[in-house]
Amino acid sequence: MTYVVTENCIRCKYTDCVDVCPVDCFREGPNMLVIAPDECIDCGLCVPECPADAIFAEDDVPPGQHDFMTLNAELTHAPGWRPIVRTVLPLPDADIWNGKAGKRALLERKWPG
């Protein structure tokens, strides 16, 4: 089993979770983080650290969010999505976007430039 970053991370990208990860399984995209499922050791340390409540155990992913299991695996290997191992500032308007529904269309898969 692995942990999954879900929709609420989009346009927030809080990084509190990466500091506690013992295996550095997070990847950073332009406006979201994902977890590399083949590297996650299922420790769960990241879950309480996420201010957006966007991380779930694979078996506990909320209804309507199951596609994020595939998305995390896919984006782990996407060009430009690199490992992130320490906290950086969240996106400037993260607090405004935290908790808003319907953010899937706002996911940026490619880094600008």
N, C-alpha and C. Protein backbone atom coordinates (compact mmCIF):
# COMPACT_ATOMS: atom_id res chain seq x y z
N MET A 1 0.85 -1.18 0.00
CA MET A 1 0.00 0.00 0.00
C MET A 1 0.89 1.24 0.00
N THR A 2 0.34 2.31 -0.50
CA THR A 2 1.07 3.58 -0.56
C THR A 2 0.14 4.71 -0.14
N TYR A 3 0.69 5.89 -0.05
CA TYR A 3 -0.11 7.08 0.22
C TYR A 3 -0.23 7.86 -1.07
N VAL A 4 -1.31 8.66 -1.16
CA VAL A 4 -1.68 9.34 -2.40
C VAL A 4 -1.97 10.80 -2.10
N VAL A 5 -1.42 11.69 -2.91
CA VAL A 5 -1.75 13.11 -2.83
C VAL A 5 -2.95 13.33 -3.75
N THR A 6 -3.98 13.98 -3.24
CA THR A 6 -5.23 14.15 -3.98
C THR A 6 -5.46 15.60 -4.40
N GLU A 7 -6.63 15.85 -4.94
CA GLU A 7 -6.99 17.12 -5.59
C GLU A 7 -6.72 18.37 -4.76
N ASN A 8 -6.90 18.32 -3.46
CA ASN A 8 -6.78 19.56 -2.70
C ASN A 8 -5.36 20.12 -2.69
N CYS A 9 -4.38 19.36 -3.10
CA CYS A 9 -3.01 19.89 -3.18
C CYS A 9 -2.83 20.85 -4.36
N ILE A 10 -3.66 20.70 -5.37
CA ILE A 10 -3.55 21.55 -6.56
C ILE A 10 -3.76 23.02 -6.17
N ARG A 11 -2.85 23.85 -6.62
CA ARG A 11 -2.82 25.30 -6.39
C ARG A 11 -2.49 25.66 -4.94
N CYS A 12 -2.15 24.68 -4.13
CA CYS A 12 -1.69 24.95 -2.76
C CYS A 12 -0.20 24.63 -2.66
N LYS A 13 0.12 23.36 -2.85
CA LYS A 13 1.50 22.86 -2.81
C LYS A 13 2.21 23.24 -1.51
N TYR A 14 1.53 22.96 -0.40
CA TYR A 14 2.21 23.06 0.89
C TYR A 14 3.25 21.94 0.92
N THR A 15 4.37 22.16 1.55
CA THR A 15 5.43 21.15 1.52
C THR A 15 5.82 20.66 2.91
N ASP A 16 4.98 20.89 3.89
CA ASP A 16 5.26 20.43 5.25
C ASP A 16 5.50 18.92 5.30
N CYS A 17 4.85 18.21 4.41
CA CYS A 17 4.92 16.75 4.37
C CYS A 17 6.30 16.22 4.00
N VAL A 18 7.04 16.95 3.21
CA VAL A 18 8.31 16.42 2.70
C VAL A 18 9.39 16.33 3.78
N ASP A 19 9.34 17.19 4.77
CA ASP A 19 10.35 17.17 5.83
C ASP A 19 10.29 15.89 6.67
N VAL A 20 9.13 15.31 6.80
CA VAL A 20 8.99 14.12 7.66
C VAL A 20 9.14 12.81 6.90
N CYS A 21 9.21 12.88 5.59
CA CYS A 21 9.29 11.65 4.78
C CYS A 21 10.68 11.02 4.92
N PRO A 22 10.76 9.80 5.45
CA PRO A 22 12.07 9.18 5.66
C PRO A 22 12.72 8.65 4.37
N VAL A 23 11.95 8.57 3.28
CA VAL A 23 12.50 8.01 2.04
C VAL A 23 12.46 8.98 0.88
N ASP A 24 12.09 10.21 1.11
CA ASP A 24 12.08 11.24 0.07
C ASP A 24 11.29 10.81 -1.16
N CYS A 25 10.05 10.41 -0.96
CA CYS A 25 9.24 9.90 -2.07
C CYS A 25 8.35 10.97 -2.72
N PHE A 26 8.44 12.21 -2.28
CA PHE A 26 7.63 13.27 -2.89
C PHE A 26 8.29 13.82 -4.14
N ARG A 27 7.46 14.18 -5.11
CA ARG A 27 7.91 14.84 -6.33
C ARG A 27 7.16 16.16 -6.44
N GLU A 28 7.85 17.17 -6.93
CA GLU A 28 7.27 18.51 -7.04
C GLU A 28 6.97 18.84 -8.49
N GLY A 29 5.73 19.25 -8.72
CA GLY A 29 5.32 19.76 -10.02
C GLY A 29 5.07 21.25 -9.91
N PRO A 30 4.63 21.88 -10.99
CA PRO A 30 4.42 23.32 -10.98
C PRO A 30 3.44 23.80 -9.92
N ASN A 31 2.35 23.04 -9.70
CA ASN A 31 1.37 23.51 -8.71
C ASN A 31 0.79 22.39 -7.85
N MET A 32 1.55 21.31 -7.67
CA MET A 32 1.09 20.18 -6.87
C MET A 32 2.28 19.30 -6.53
N LEU A 33 2.15 18.53 -5.47
CA LEU A 33 3.10 17.48 -5.14
C LEU A 33 2.45 16.13 -5.42
N VAL A 34 3.25 15.11 -5.66
CA VAL A 34 2.75 13.74 -5.74
C VAL A 34 3.70 12.84 -4.95
N ILE A 35 3.24 11.64 -4.68
CA ILE A 35 4.04 10.63 -3.98
C ILE A 35 4.40 9.54 -4.97
N ALA A 36 5.67 9.18 -5.02
CA ALA A 36 6.13 8.08 -5.87
C ALA A 36 5.70 6.77 -5.20
N PRO A 37 4.73 6.07 -5.78
CA PRO A 37 4.20 4.88 -5.11
C PRO A 37 5.22 3.76 -4.96
N ASP A 38 6.19 3.68 -5.85
CA ASP A 38 7.20 2.63 -5.75
C ASP A 38 8.27 2.94 -4.71
N GLU A 39 8.24 4.14 -4.14
CA GLU A 39 9.20 4.51 -3.11
C GLU A 39 8.58 4.69 -1.73
N CYS A 40 7.28 4.94 -1.68
CA CYS A 40 6.58 5.15 -0.41
C CYS A 40 6.64 3.86 0.42
N ILE A 41 6.99 4.01 1.71
CA ILE A 41 7.08 2.84 2.58
C ILE A 41 5.87 2.72 3.52
N ASP A 42 4.82 3.49 3.22
CA ASP A 42 3.57 3.36 3.97
C ASP A 42 3.71 3.71 5.45
N CYS A 43 4.55 4.69 5.77
CA CYS A 43 4.73 5.05 7.18
C CYS A 43 3.63 5.97 7.69
N GLY A 44 3.03 6.77 6.81
CA GLY A 44 1.94 7.66 7.20
C GLY A 44 2.36 8.93 7.91
N LEU A 45 3.64 9.19 8.03
CA LEU A 45 4.10 10.39 8.73
C LEU A 45 3.66 11.68 8.05
N CYS A 46 3.46 11.63 6.75
CA CYS A 46 3.11 12.82 5.98
C CYS A 46 1.66 13.27 6.20
N VAL A 47 0.79 12.34 6.50
CA VAL A 47 -0.65 12.65 6.57
C VAL A 47 -0.97 13.78 7.56
N PRO A 48 -0.55 13.69 8.82
CA PRO A 48 -0.91 14.77 9.75
C PRO A 48 -0.18 16.08 9.47
N GLU A 49 0.87 16.06 8.67
CA GLU A 49 1.63 17.27 8.37
C GLU A 49 1.02 18.11 7.26
N CYS A 50 0.11 17.53 6.48
CA CYS A 50 -0.45 18.23 5.32
C CYS A 50 -1.54 19.22 5.75
N PRO A 51 -1.29 20.54 5.62
CA PRO A 51 -2.29 21.53 6.02
C PRO A 51 -3.55 21.50 5.15
N ALA A 52 -3.45 20.88 3.98
CA ALA A 52 -4.60 20.83 3.06
C ALA A 52 -5.39 19.53 3.20
N ASP A 53 -4.96 18.64 4.09
CA ASP A 53 -5.62 17.33 4.23
C ASP A 53 -5.78 16.66 2.87
N ALA A 54 -4.70 16.66 2.09
CA ALA A 54 -4.75 16.14 0.72
C ALA A 54 -4.08 14.78 0.57
N ILE A 55 -3.56 14.21 1.65
CA ILE A 55 -2.85 12.93 1.57
C ILE A 55 -3.65 11.84 2.27
N PHE A 56 -3.82 10.73 1.56
CA PHE A 56 -4.61 9.62 2.09
C PHE A 56 -3.90 8.30 1.82
N ALA A 57 -4.13 7.33 2.70
CA ALA A 57 -3.71 5.96 2.41
C ALA A 57 -4.49 5.49 1.19
N GLU A 58 -3.86 4.67 0.39
CA GLU A 58 -4.47 4.17 -0.84
C GLU A 58 -5.88 3.60 -0.60
N ASP A 59 -6.06 2.90 0.50
CA ASP A 59 -7.37 2.31 0.80
C ASP A 59 -8.39 3.32 1.31
N ASP A 60 -7.94 4.52 1.64
CA ASP A 60 -8.82 5.53 2.22
C ASP A 60 -9.05 6.74 1.32
N VAL A 61 -8.61 6.65 0.07
CA VAL A 61 -8.80 7.78 -0.86
C VAL A 61 -10.30 8.03 -0.99
N PRO A 62 -10.73 9.28 -0.84
CA PRO A 62 -12.15 9.60 -0.88
C PRO A 62 -12.80 9.25 -2.23
N PRO A 63 -14.09 8.99 -2.22
CA PRO A 63 -14.80 8.74 -3.48
C PRO A 63 -14.59 9.91 -4.43
N GLY A 64 -14.43 9.59 -5.69
CA GLY A 64 -14.23 10.62 -6.70
C GLY A 64 -12.78 11.07 -6.83
N GLN A 65 -11.89 10.51 -6.02
CA GLN A 65 -10.48 10.90 -6.04
C GLN A 65 -9.56 9.74 -6.43
N HIS A 66 -10.14 8.58 -6.74
CA HIS A 66 -9.34 7.39 -7.01
C HIS A 66 -8.40 7.54 -8.21
N ASP A 67 -8.75 8.40 -9.15
CA ASP A 67 -7.87 8.61 -10.30
C ASP A 67 -6.54 9.24 -9.89
N PHE A 68 -6.47 9.81 -8.70
CA PHE A 68 -5.22 10.39 -8.23
C PHE A 68 -4.19 9.32 -7.89
N MET A 69 -4.62 8.08 -7.68
CA MET A 69 -3.65 7.01 -7.48
C MET A 69 -2.83 6.82 -8.76
N THR A 70 -3.50 6.78 -9.89
CA THR A 70 -2.82 6.66 -11.18
C THR A 70 -2.05 7.93 -11.49
N LEU A 71 -2.63 9.06 -11.19
CA LEU A 71 -1.98 10.34 -11.47
C LEU A 71 -0.67 10.49 -10.70
N ASN A 72 -0.65 10.09 -9.43
CA ASN A 72 0.59 10.17 -8.65
C ASN A 72 1.68 9.34 -9.31
N ALA A 73 1.34 8.12 -9.72
CA ALA A 73 2.32 7.24 -10.37
C ALA A 73 2.80 7.83 -11.69
N GLU A 74 1.88 8.37 -12.46
CA GLU A 74 2.22 8.95 -13.76
C GLU A 74 3.13 10.16 -13.61
N LEU A 75 2.77 11.08 -12.75
CA LEU A 75 3.53 12.32 -12.62
C LEU A 75 4.88 12.14 -11.92
N THR A 76 5.02 11.05 -11.18
CA THR A 76 6.31 10.74 -10.57
C THR A 76 7.40 10.68 -11.62
N HIS A 77 7.04 10.23 -12.83
CA HIS A 77 8.00 10.06 -13.91
C HIS A 77 7.87 11.11 -15.01
N ALA A 78 7.05 12.12 -14.78
CA ALA A 78 6.86 13.16 -15.81
C ALA A 78 8.09 14.05 -15.89
N PRO A 79 8.39 14.54 -17.08
CA PRO A 79 9.55 15.43 -17.24
C PRO A 79 9.45 16.66 -16.33
N GLY A 80 10.51 16.93 -15.63
CA GLY A 80 10.57 18.11 -14.78
C GLY A 80 10.07 17.88 -13.36
N TRP A 81 9.29 16.84 -13.12
CA TRP A 81 8.81 16.57 -11.76
C TRP A 81 9.97 15.94 -11.01
N ARG A 82 10.53 16.70 -10.09
CA ARG A 82 11.75 16.29 -9.42
C ARG A 82 11.49 15.99 -7.93
N PRO A 83 12.38 15.19 -7.35
CA PRO A 83 12.24 14.95 -5.90
C PRO A 83 12.34 16.25 -5.12
N ILE A 84 11.55 16.33 -4.08
CA ILE A 84 11.61 17.47 -3.17
C ILE A 84 11.83 16.89 -1.78
N VAL A 85 12.84 17.39 -1.09
CA VAL A 85 13.23 16.79 0.18
C VAL A 85 13.20 17.74 1.36
N ARG A 86 12.86 19.00 1.11
CA ARG A 86 12.73 19.93 2.23
C ARG A 86 11.62 20.95 1.94
N THR A 87 11.13 21.52 2.99
CA THR A 87 10.03 22.47 2.90
C THR A 87 10.45 23.72 2.13
N VAL A 88 9.57 24.15 1.24
CA VAL A 88 9.71 25.43 0.56
C VAL A 88 8.39 26.17 0.76
N LEU A 89 8.35 27.42 0.41
CA LEU A 89 7.12 28.19 0.58
C LEU A 89 6.01 27.63 -0.29
N PRO A 90 4.77 27.62 0.22
CA PRO A 90 3.65 27.20 -0.62
C PRO A 90 3.41 28.23 -1.72
N LEU A 91 2.53 27.90 -2.63
CA LEU A 91 2.17 28.86 -3.67
C LEU A 91 1.57 30.10 -3.01
N PRO A 92 1.75 31.27 -3.62
CA PRO A 92 1.33 32.53 -2.98
C PRO A 92 -0.14 32.59 -2.57
N ASP A 93 -1.01 31.96 -3.33
CA ASP A 93 -2.44 32.01 -3.00
C ASP A 93 -2.95 30.67 -2.45
N ALA A 94 -2.05 29.89 -1.84
CA ALA A 94 -2.41 28.57 -1.32
C ALA A 94 -3.58 28.61 -0.34
N ASP A 95 -3.56 29.55 0.56
CA ASP A 95 -4.62 29.60 1.57
C ASP A 95 -5.99 29.90 0.94
N ILE A 96 -6.00 30.61 -0.15
CA ILE A 96 -7.26 30.91 -0.86
C ILE A 96 -7.79 29.65 -1.53
N TRP A 97 -6.89 28.83 -2.11
CA TRP A 97 -7.30 27.63 -2.84
C TRP A 97 -7.53 26.42 -1.95
N ASN A 98 -7.00 26.42 -0.75
CA ASN A 98 -7.16 25.29 0.15
C ASN A 98 -8.64 25.05 0.45
N GLY A 99 -9.10 23.85 0.14
CA GLY A 99 -10.48 23.47 0.41
C GLY A 99 -11.44 23.70 -0.74
N LYS A 100 -11.01 24.34 -1.80
CA LYS A 100 -11.89 24.55 -2.95
C LYS A 100 -12.00 23.27 -3.76
N ALA A 101 -13.19 22.96 -4.19
CA ALA A 101 -13.43 21.76 -4.99
C ALA A 101 -13.27 22.08 -6.47
N GLY A 102 -13.17 21.03 -7.26
CA GLY A 102 -13.15 21.20 -8.71
C GLY A 102 -11.86 21.77 -9.26
N LYS A 103 -10.71 21.40 -8.69
CA LYS A 103 -9.44 21.97 -9.13
C LYS A 103 -8.69 21.11 -10.15
N ARG A 104 -9.25 19.97 -10.54
CA ARG A 104 -8.54 19.07 -11.46
C ARG A 104 -8.09 19.76 -12.74
N ALA A 105 -8.94 20.57 -13.30
CA ALA A 105 -8.61 21.25 -14.56
C ALA A 105 -7.47 22.25 -14.39
N LEU A 106 -7.14 22.61 -13.17
CA LEU A 106 -6.09 23.58 -12.90
C LEU A 106 -4.71 22.92 -12.71
N LEU A 107 -4.66 21.60 -12.72
CA LEU A 107 -3.40 20.90 -12.56
C LEU A 107 -2.46 21.20 -13.72
N GLU A 108 -1.28 21.67 -13.39
CA GLU A 108 -0.26 21.93 -14.41
C GLU A 108 0.69 20.74 -14.43
N ARG A 109 0.69 20.03 -15.55
CA ARG A 109 1.52 18.83 -15.67
C ARG A 109 2.93 19.14 -16.13
N LYS A 110 3.11 20.26 -16.82
CA LYS A 110 4.43 20.61 -17.38
C LYS A 110 4.92 21.89 -16.76
N TRP A 111 6.21 21.91 -16.48
CA TRP A 111 6.83 23.12 -15.98
C TRP A 111 6.88 24.15 -17.09
N PRO A 112 6.64 25.43 -16.77
CA PRO A 112 6.70 26.47 -17.81
C PRO A 112 8.11 26.56 -18.42
N GLY A 113 8.13 26.95 -19.69
CA GLY A 113 9.40 27.19 -20.34
C GLY A 113 9.94 26.10 -21.09
